Amino acid sequence: MSVPTEPRTAGAVAGNGTAGAGAPAPHGTSATADATGPRQLHLQLWRGDADGGGFVDYEVPALEGEVVLDVVHRIQAEHAPDLAVRWNCKAGKCGSCSAEINGKPRLMCMTRMSTLDTSQTITVSPMRAFPVMRDLVTDVSYNFVVAARIPPFTPGPPEPDGTYRMAQVDVDRGQEMRKCIECFLCQNVCHVIRDHEDNKPHYAGPRFFARLAELEMHPLDTLDRRRLVSEQLGLGLCNITKCCTEVCPEGIHITDNAIIPLKERVVDARYDPVAWLGRKLLRRPRPAPASAVAVDLPVARGAHDPTIDGRSDPAVLGRNGRRSDG
C-alpha cells in the first residue's frame, strides 16, 4: 500500500477531523487558544493500516530539548492512546523508530525538533518502501528474508598456533560496515525497491550490499559471493545515486566503501581480461556459481532448492569457496 508523501491541503483533516473554515481545532488544542500561552507544535501523523489511511492533525505545546519521538509519545499519551509506533532504545542504536519526517527518512529519536521549522506543519509518516501494518509501523520482514539468503562468515583454518591474524586496515574497513543498526532507512530510500515493488525478490538493497562487501573484503573469509550478488541479489540494478549514504544515521559510506568496491570485484571476476589471463596462467578456478554459495531460503521459510545442496561441503567447494571443477 502506498503512503502519501505530502499532507492534505490546509483545512482537510483525516480521521476525526473535518474540513473547511470553522472546523473543530485539531487534537490537543482548543479553537480559542490563549495567545500568551506556550508555543504550539502542529504535527500531522499518518494514521491507518494496510487498507488505507491519511494524515491526522495534532497540536501539542512545544517543550525545550525534545526529539520527534518525544512529541509522538506525548501525542500517544495525551491524545491518541491507540497510536501505533515502533521504538526501543531511544538512543539511535536499535534502528526501530524509522519514519519519514517531512518526507525524509530519519530516526525519530535522533531528529531534534530544534532542527525543524516548527512554524510550519511537521509531517510524520511510515517508511514508504514497506507495507504498512498500522499507523507508523511497517512490515520490514522483507529484509530478514534477504538476510537469510546471505552466506555467513566462513573462516579458513587458523594459524599453526591456533589463532587468526589480520591487518588493522582490514579490521577498520569491515568495522565501518558493522556499525549498521539495521534501521533500514537506506532500504527505504533506495528507488530500486521504493518505486518498483516487483524488484524486491531479486534485489538485496544497500544494507545487504554493505554486509556482502564486508564479507567479500574480509581477509579470513573463504567463500566467493561475487556471482551470488550479481546473479541473484541484483547488484547491477543499483545506479549509485548515494541516497542511501545520505540517510544513514551511522554515517556509513555505503556507496563509496561498499557498493562501488563490490561492483569492481564482480567486474574483475567476470569481465577483466587481465584477471582472466591470470586465472589461466596460474590455473586458478573461476568464481563459484551463485547456486554454490546461496543460502537455502530464497522465497519462503522452509523452501528447499536441491540445486544448492552441498554449498558448504569441502568436496564441492574448493579453496576460497570456489568450485574445484571451475
Protein backbone atom coordinates (compact mmCIF):
# COMPACT_ATOMS: atom_id res chain seq x y z
CA MET A 1 0.00 0.00 0.00
CA SER A 2 1.40 3.41 -0.90
CA VAL A 3 1.74 6.04 1.80
CA PRO A 4 1.11 9.71 0.97
CA THR A 5 4.33 11.68 0.93
CA GLU A 6 2.64 15.05 1.41
CA PRO A 7 -0.13 16.06 3.82
CA ARG A 8 -3.53 17.01 2.58
CA THR A 9 -4.33 20.64 1.90
CA ALA A 10 -4.80 23.02 4.82
CA GLY A 11 -8.13 22.54 6.50
CA ALA A 12 -8.53 18.90 5.40
CA VAL A 13 -8.01 16.56 8.33
CA ALA A 14 -8.21 12.78 8.10
CA GLY A 15 -9.83 10.62 10.73
CA ASN A 16 -11.74 12.56 13.40
CA GLY A 17 -11.17 15.99 11.85
CA THR A 18 -13.40 17.87 9.42
CA ALA A 19 -12.62 20.19 6.54
CA GLY A 20 -13.22 23.87 5.98
CA ALA A 21 -13.34 27.08 7.96
CA GLY A 22 -14.86 26.86 11.39
CA ALA A 23 -13.84 23.22 11.81
CA PRO A 24 -13.06 21.99 15.32
CA ALA A 25 -9.48 22.59 16.41
CA PRO A 26 -7.00 19.71 15.97
CA HIS A 27 -6.47 17.16 18.73
CA GLY A 28 -4.88 18.60 21.86
CA THR A 29 -5.84 22.27 21.46
CA SER A 30 -8.89 24.50 21.58
CA ALA A 31 -10.26 26.81 18.94
CA THR A 32 -9.65 29.77 21.29
CA ALA A 33 -6.09 29.14 22.34
CA ASP A 34 -4.57 31.74 24.63
CA ALA A 35 -2.17 33.88 22.62
CA THR A 36 0.05 34.27 25.69
CA GLY A 37 0.26 30.50 26.27
CA PRO A 38 3.14 28.23 25.27
CA ARG A 39 4.05 27.94 21.63
CA GLN A 40 2.15 25.14 19.90
CA LEU A 41 3.61 22.47 17.63
CA HIS A 42 1.44 21.43 14.70
CA LEU A 43 2.03 17.84 13.55
CA GLN A 44 0.33 15.61 11.04
CA LEU A 45 0.76 11.92 11.79
CA TRP A 46 -0.21 9.26 9.29
CA ARG A 47 -2.92 7.04 10.75
CA GLY A 48 -4.25 3.91 9.11
CA ASP A 49 -3.45 0.33 8.18
CA ALA A 50 -2.95 -1.86 5.12
CA ASP A 51 -6.43 -0.96 3.87
CA GLY A 52 -5.79 2.79 3.78
CA GLY A 53 -5.47 5.88 5.91
CA GLY A 54 -4.40 9.51 5.93
CA PHE A 55 -2.87 12.30 7.95
CA VAL A 56 -4.44 13.41 11.23
CA ASP A 57 -3.71 16.80 12.80
CA TYR A 58 -2.40 17.17 16.35
CA GLU A 59 -1.23 20.18 18.33
CA VAL A 60 0.85 19.99 21.49
CA PRO A 61 2.82 22.60 23.44
CA ALA A 62 6.46 22.98 22.44
CA LEU A 63 8.96 21.83 25.07
CA GLU A 64 12.68 22.51 25.17
CA GLY A 65 15.15 19.85 24.06
CA GLU A 66 12.71 17.36 22.55
CA VAL A 67 13.17 15.00 19.62
CA VAL A 68 10.36 13.96 17.28
CA LEU A 69 9.85 10.69 19.17
CA ASP A 70 9.24 12.65 22.40
CA VAL A 71 6.47 14.61 20.72
CA VAL A 72 4.94 11.47 19.22
CA HIS A 73 4.97 9.86 22.67
CA ARG A 74 3.23 12.88 24.17
CA ILE A 75 0.56 12.68 21.48
CA GLN A 76 0.20 8.96 22.20
CA ALA A 77 -0.07 9.55 25.96
CA GLU A 78 -2.40 12.55 25.91
CA HIS A 79 -4.47 12.45 22.73
CA ALA A 80 -4.16 9.18 20.80
CA PRO A 81 -3.57 6.14 23.04
CA ASP A 82 -4.24 3.82 20.09
CA LEU A 83 -1.41 5.33 18.01
CA ALA A 84 0.98 2.58 16.87
CA VAL A 85 4.67 3.50 16.83
CA ARG A 86 7.72 1.24 16.99
CA TRP A 87 10.64 2.22 19.21
CA ASN A 88 13.04 0.67 21.70
CA CYS A 89 16.30 2.27 22.85
CA LYS A 90 15.54 5.96 22.17
CA ALA A 91 19.29 6.43 21.70
CA GLY A 92 19.80 5.92 17.97
CA LYS A 93 21.22 2.41 18.33
CA CYS A 94 18.31 -0.01 17.82
CA GLY A 95 17.01 1.32 14.48
CA SER A 96 13.38 0.75 15.49
CA CYS A 97 11.86 4.22 15.15
CA SER A 98 12.50 4.77 11.45
CA ALA A 99 9.94 7.00 9.75
CA GLU A 100 9.66 9.76 7.17
CA ILE A 101 9.74 13.22 8.74
CA ASN A 102 8.68 15.95 6.34
CA GLY A 103 9.17 13.34 3.62
CA LYS A 104 12.77 12.49 4.54
CA PRO A 105 13.66 9.07 6.02
CA ARG A 106 15.02 9.62 9.53
CA LEU A 107 15.16 8.14 13.02
CA MET A 108 12.53 9.86 15.14
CA CYS A 109 14.72 9.60 18.24
CA MET A 110 17.65 11.35 16.54
CA THR A 111 15.72 14.19 14.89
CA ARG A 112 15.65 17.19 17.21
CA MET A 113 12.68 19.48 16.99
CA SER A 114 15.10 22.42 17.06
CA THR A 115 16.41 21.34 13.63
CA LEU A 116 12.93 21.56 12.07
CA ASP A 117 10.93 24.61 11.10
CA THR A 118 8.31 24.38 13.83
CA SER A 119 6.46 27.40 12.43
CA GLN A 120 5.26 25.02 9.71
CA THR A 121 3.33 21.77 9.93
CA ILE A 122 5.59 18.77 10.59
CA THR A 123 4.54 15.51 8.94
CA VAL A 124 5.46 12.07 10.24
CA SER A 125 4.62 9.06 8.08
CA PRO A 126 5.71 5.39 7.89
CA MET A 127 8.50 4.24 5.59
CA ARG A 128 7.08 4.16 2.09
CA ALA A 129 9.04 1.20 0.73
CA PHE A 130 7.47 -1.31 3.14
CA PRO A 131 3.86 -2.43 3.73
CA VAL A 132 2.02 -0.54 6.44
CA MET A 133 0.91 -2.63 9.40
CA ARG A 134 -0.67 0.19 11.39
CA ASP A 135 -0.05 3.93 11.72
CA LEU A 136 3.73 4.48 11.81
CA VAL A 137 4.63 0.78 11.97
CA THR A 138 5.71 -1.02 8.79
CA ASP A 139 6.40 -4.65 7.98
CA VAL A 140 10.16 -4.88 7.36
CA SER A 141 10.29 -8.69 7.22
CA TYR A 142 11.45 -8.48 3.59
CA ASN A 143 14.86 -7.50 4.96
CA PHE A 144 15.07 -10.56 7.19
CA VAL A 145 14.32 -12.86 4.25
CA VAL A 146 17.13 -11.22 2.28
CA ALA A 147 19.50 -11.55 5.25
CA ALA A 148 18.77 -15.29 5.42
CA ARG A 149 19.96 -15.69 1.82
CA ILE A 150 23.45 -14.35 2.53
CA PRO A 151 26.04 -17.00 3.42
CA PRO A 152 27.59 -16.24 6.82
CA PHE A 153 31.22 -15.52 7.58
CA THR A 154 33.20 -18.69 6.85
CA PRO A 155 36.84 -18.55 8.00
CA GLY A 156 39.51 -20.94 6.89
CA PRO A 157 41.72 -22.96 9.22
CA PRO A 158 43.58 -20.99 11.93
CA GLU A 159 47.31 -20.36 12.05
CA PRO A 160 49.52 -23.16 13.42
CA ASP A 161 49.34 -21.57 16.86
CA GLY A 162 45.54 -21.73 16.78
CA THR A 163 44.95 -18.00 16.20
CA TYR A 164 43.72 -15.82 13.34
CA ARG A 165 45.61 -12.72 12.24
CA MET A 166 44.62 -9.79 10.07
CA ALA A 167 45.95 -6.29 9.43
CA GLN A 168 44.46 -3.32 11.24
CA VAL A 169 43.48 -1.72 7.94
CA ASP A 170 41.30 -4.75 7.20
CA VAL A 171 39.74 -4.51 10.65
CA ASP A 172 38.90 -0.84 10.12
CA ARG A 173 37.43 -1.48 6.67
CA GLY A 174 34.99 -4.08 7.98
CA GLN A 175 34.22 -2.17 11.16
CA GLU A 176 32.57 0.64 9.23
CA MET A 177 30.02 -1.80 7.80
CA ARG A 178 29.42 -3.40 11.18
CA LYS A 179 28.24 -0.07 12.59
CA CYS A 180 24.92 -0.67 10.81
CA ILE A 181 21.96 -0.62 13.24
CA GLU A 182 19.54 -2.05 10.65
CA CYS A 183 17.16 0.88 10.72
CA PHE A 184 16.54 0.12 7.02
CA LEU A 185 16.39 3.80 6.12
CA CYS A 186 18.79 3.07 3.26
CA GLN A 187 16.49 0.31 2.04
CA ASN A 188 13.52 2.66 2.27
CA VAL A 189 15.13 5.47 0.29
CA CYS A 190 16.55 3.23 -2.45
CA HIS A 191 14.41 3.91 -5.51
CA VAL A 192 15.01 0.40 -6.90
CA ILE A 193 12.60 -1.03 -4.33
CA ARG A 194 10.83 2.17 -3.22
CA ASP A 195 9.37 2.75 -6.66
CA HIS A 196 9.42 -0.81 -8.04
CA GLU A 197 7.83 -3.37 -5.75
CA ASP A 198 8.46 -6.15 -8.26
CA ASN A 199 12.23 -5.76 -7.77
CA LYS A 200 12.19 -6.93 -4.17
CA PRO A 201 12.54 -10.68 -4.84
CA HIS A 202 15.65 -10.01 -6.94
CA TYR A 203 17.31 -7.12 -5.10
CA ALA A 204 19.17 -7.17 -1.79
CA GLY A 205 19.37 -3.42 -1.26
CA PRO A 206 22.12 -1.17 0.14
CA ARG A 207 22.05 -2.55 3.68
CA PHE A 208 22.89 -6.04 2.44
CA PHE A 209 25.33 -4.87 -0.20
CA ALA A 210 27.25 -3.38 2.72
CA ARG A 211 27.10 -6.74 4.51
CA LEU A 212 28.23 -8.59 1.39
CA ALA A 213 31.07 -6.11 0.82
CA GLU A 214 32.22 -6.61 4.40
CA LEU A 215 32.34 -10.38 3.89
CA GLU A 216 33.99 -10.16 0.47
CA MET A 217 36.72 -7.83 1.77
CA HIS A 218 37.37 -9.86 4.90
CA PRO A 219 40.82 -11.47 4.53
CA LEU A 220 39.86 -14.53 6.60
CA ASP A 221 36.62 -15.36 4.79
CA THR A 222 36.80 -18.25 2.32
CA LEU A 223 33.54 -18.03 0.35
CA ASP A 224 33.22 -16.35 -3.03
CA ARG A 225 29.90 -14.47 -3.18
CA ARG A 226 30.54 -12.39 -6.28
CA ARG A 227 28.33 -14.31 -8.66
CA LEU A 228 25.65 -14.62 -5.99
CA VAL A 229 25.42 -10.85 -5.53
CA SER A 230 25.49 -10.32 -9.29
CA GLU A 231 23.09 -13.03 -10.46
CA GLN A 232 20.59 -13.37 -7.62
CA LEU A 233 20.81 -10.23 -5.45
CA GLY A 234 20.64 -7.55 -8.15
CA LEU A 235 23.83 -5.57 -7.64
CA GLY A 236 23.62 -4.35 -11.23
CA LEU A 237 20.31 -2.60 -10.54
CA CYS A 238 22.00 -0.09 -8.22
CA ASN A 239 22.98 3.07 -10.09
CA ILE A 240 24.95 4.57 -7.17
CA THR A 241 22.89 7.73 -6.58
CA LYS A 242 24.24 7.84 -2.98
CA CYS A 243 20.79 8.44 -1.49
CA CYS A 244 21.42 5.52 0.89
CA THR A 245 24.60 7.17 2.17
CA GLU A 246 22.79 10.46 2.74
CA VAL A 247 20.19 8.98 5.11
CA CYS A 248 22.46 6.60 7.08
CA PRO A 249 22.35 7.70 10.76
CA GLU A 250 25.68 5.98 11.44
CA GLY A 251 27.48 7.86 8.67
CA ILE A 252 28.45 4.70 6.78
CA HIS A 253 29.71 5.48 3.27
CA ILE A 254 27.60 2.73 1.74
CA THR A 255 28.08 3.76 -1.88
CA ASP A 256 31.79 4.61 -1.87
CA ASN A 257 33.08 1.97 0.54
CA ALA A 258 30.71 -0.93 -0.09
CA ILE A 259 28.69 -0.85 -3.31
CA ILE A 260 31.35 0.51 -5.67
CA PRO A 261 34.10 -1.86 -4.40
CA LEU A 262 31.64 -4.74 -4.66
CA LYS A 263 30.80 -3.79 -8.24
CA GLU A 264 34.52 -3.64 -9.03
CA ARG A 265 35.04 -7.13 -7.64
CA VAL A 266 32.15 -8.50 -9.69
CA VAL A 267 33.50 -6.89 -12.87
CA ASP A 268 37.00 -8.18 -12.14
CA ALA A 269 35.65 -11.70 -11.75
CA ARG A 270 33.59 -11.72 -14.91
CA TYR A 271 34.94 -9.24 -17.45
CA ASP A 272 38.50 -8.18 -16.61
CA PRO A 273 40.79 -9.69 -19.32
CA VAL A 274 43.83 -9.39 -17.05
CA ALA A 275 42.07 -11.38 -14.34
CA TRP A 276 41.00 -13.93 -16.95
CA LEU A 277 44.57 -14.30 -18.17
CA GLY A 278 45.83 -14.58 -14.59
CA ARG A 279 43.40 -17.41 -13.87
CA LYS A 280 44.58 -19.22 -16.98
CA LEU A 281 48.27 -18.82 -16.23
CA LEU A 282 48.01 -19.56 -12.52
CA ARG A 283 45.38 -22.28 -13.03
CA ARG A 284 43.02 -20.63 -10.60
CA PRO A 285 39.35 -21.67 -10.71
CA ARG A 286 36.58 -19.37 -11.87
CA PRO A 287 34.31 -17.65 -9.33
CA ALA A 288 31.82 -20.01 -7.76
CA PRO A 289 28.32 -20.19 -9.29
CA ALA A 290 25.69 -18.34 -7.33
CA SER A 291 23.94 -21.61 -6.55
CA ALA A 292 27.07 -22.88 -4.83
CA VAL A 293 27.00 -20.27 -2.08
CA ALA A 294 23.35 -19.17 -1.90
CA VAL A 295 21.64 -19.86 1.39
CA ASP A 296 18.57 -22.08 1.12
CA LEU A 297 15.85 -19.50 1.78
CA PRO A 298 15.22 -17.63 -1.47
CA VAL A 299 11.43 -17.40 -1.38
CA ALA A 300 9.77 -18.62 1.80
CA ARG A 301 10.68 -20.28 5.06
CA GLY A 302 11.07 -23.99 4.60
CA ALA A 303 11.56 -23.76 0.82
CA HIS A 304 14.17 -26.21 -0.42
CA ASP A 305 16.17 -25.91 -3.60
CA PRO A 306 18.08 -29.12 -4.40
CA THR A 307 20.36 -27.24 -6.81
CA ILE A 308 22.31 -25.72 -3.93
CA ASP A 309 22.88 -28.84 -1.84
CA GLY A 310 26.46 -29.18 -0.69
CA ARG A 311 27.14 -25.46 -0.86
CA SER A 312 29.41 -25.71 2.19
CA ASP A 313 30.73 -29.20 1.52
CA PRO A 314 34.53 -29.09 1.06
CA ALA A 315 34.14 -31.74 -1.66
CA VAL A 316 32.02 -29.32 -3.68
CA LEU A 317 33.74 -26.03 -2.86
CA GLY A 318 37.45 -25.64 -3.34
CA ARG A 319 39.77 -23.07 -1.82
CA ASN A 320 38.11 -19.69 -1.18
CA GLY A 321 34.70 -21.23 -1.78
CA ARG A 322 35.27 -21.78 -5.49
CA ARG A 323 34.17 -24.97 -7.17
CA SER A 324 37.15 -27.12 -7.90
CA ASP A 325 35.57 -28.15 -11.21
CA GLY A 326 35.83 -24.47 -12.31
